[in-house]
Amino acid sequence: MAKKSTSIEGDKDSSKDEGSSFEEDLTRLEDIVRKLEAGDMPLEKTLALYEEGLGLSKRCSVMLDQAQSRIEAIMEKDGKVEKSKFDA
């Protein structure tokens, strides 16, 4: 039996594009939020978009954590790399 796809026609399935950039993922997440806030979709499409949005949110969070770690690793003080907490 074939696995049912949660991809909705016309909507990008984020699980297919693991190589997307942070900016692409964030743009897609913003689009999903707008569609969900409109509240004019069938339940199945709403659930599929919500699930995709959760995945994108997690991926964006991981990418931000990795960027923060890189920033902390390259911060220098007196010619030495010094790890320090990053404040946004």
Protein backbone atom coordinates (compact mmCIF):
# COMPACT_ATOMS: atom_id res chain seq x y z
CA MET A 1 0.00 0.00 0.00
CA ALA A 2 1.42 3.40 -1.01
CA LYS A 3 2.03 6.05 1.63
CA LYS A 4 -0.43 8.93 1.41
CA SER A 5 1.25 12.23 0.58
CA THR A 6 0.34 15.25 2.70
CA SER A 7 1.46 17.61 -0.03
CA ILE A 8 -1.34 19.82 -1.26
CA GLU A 9 -1.42 20.70 -4.93
CA GLY A 10 0.11 24.13 -5.39
CA ASP A 11 1.82 24.03 -1.99
CA LYS A 12 5.51 23.18 -1.64
CA ASP A 13 6.24 20.13 0.53
CA SER A 14 9.19 21.24 2.69
CA SER A 15 10.32 17.68 3.39
CA LYS A 16 11.28 17.34 -0.28
CA ASP A 17 13.68 20.30 -0.22
CA GLU A 18 16.16 19.73 2.61
CA GLY A 19 18.71 21.95 0.82
CA SER A 20 16.62 25.09 0.94
CA SER A 21 18.03 28.23 2.49
CA PHE A 22 16.92 29.90 5.70
CA GLU A 23 15.44 32.76 3.70
CA GLU A 24 13.46 30.39 1.46
CA ASP A 25 12.16 28.46 4.46
CA LEU A 26 11.21 31.65 6.30
CA THR A 27 9.40 33.03 3.26
CA ARG A 28 7.48 29.77 2.89
CA LEU A 29 6.65 29.76 6.62
CA GLU A 30 5.33 33.33 6.38
CA ASP A 31 3.17 32.29 3.41
CA ILE A 32 1.77 29.36 5.39
CA VAL A 33 0.98 31.60 8.37
CA ARG A 34 -0.92 34.02 6.10
CA LYS A 35 -2.94 31.15 4.62
CA LEU A 36 -3.71 29.68 8.04
CA GLU A 37 -4.71 33.06 9.46
CA ALA A 38 -7.14 33.58 6.56
CA GLY A 39 -9.01 30.51 7.81
CA ASP A 40 -10.77 29.78 4.55
CA MET A 41 -9.34 26.35 3.70
CA PRO A 42 -10.69 22.85 4.12
CA LEU A 43 -9.57 21.03 7.27
CA GLU A 44 -7.25 18.60 5.47
CA LYS A 45 -5.37 21.40 3.70
CA THR A 46 -5.18 23.36 6.96
CA LEU A 47 -3.68 20.36 8.76
CA ALA A 48 -1.18 19.70 5.97
CA LEU A 49 -0.02 23.33 5.97
CA TYR A 50 0.20 23.37 9.76
CA GLU A 51 2.36 20.25 9.68
CA GLU A 52 4.60 21.73 7.00
CA GLY A 53 4.87 24.96 8.99
CA LEU A 54 5.99 23.09 12.10
CA GLY A 55 8.73 21.38 10.12
CA LEU A 56 9.88 24.66 8.61
CA SER A 57 9.86 26.32 12.03
CA LYS A 58 12.07 23.58 13.45
CA ARG A 59 14.48 23.78 10.49
CA CYS A 60 14.72 27.57 10.79
CA SER A 61 15.39 27.25 14.51
CA VAL A 62 18.20 24.75 13.89
CA MET A 63 19.74 27.03 11.24
CA LEU A 64 19.60 30.01 13.62
CA ASP A 65 21.23 27.96 16.37
CA GLN A 66 24.00 26.92 13.98
CA ALA A 67 24.54 30.52 12.87
CA GLN A 68 24.73 31.63 16.49
CA SER A 69 27.32 28.95 17.22
CA ARG A 70 29.41 30.09 14.26
CA ILE A 71 29.23 33.72 15.40
CA GLU A 72 30.26 32.76 18.91
CA ALA A 73 33.16 30.70 17.55
CA ILE A 74 34.58 33.56 15.48
CA MET A 75 34.23 36.40 17.94
CA GLU A 76 37.70 37.65 18.79
CA LYS A 77 39.12 39.56 21.70
CA ASP A 78 42.79 40.58 21.86
CA GLY A 79 43.61 38.42 18.84
CA LYS A 80 42.23 35.27 20.43
CA VAL A 81 39.01 33.57 19.56
CA GLU A 82 36.76 33.98 22.53
CA LYS A 83 33.43 32.31 22.81
CA SER A 84 30.83 34.64 24.24
CA LYS A 85 27.07 34.71 24.46
CA PHE A 86 25.37 36.29 21.46
CA ASP A 87 22.65 38.82 22.32
CA ALA A 88 20.26 39.71 19.51
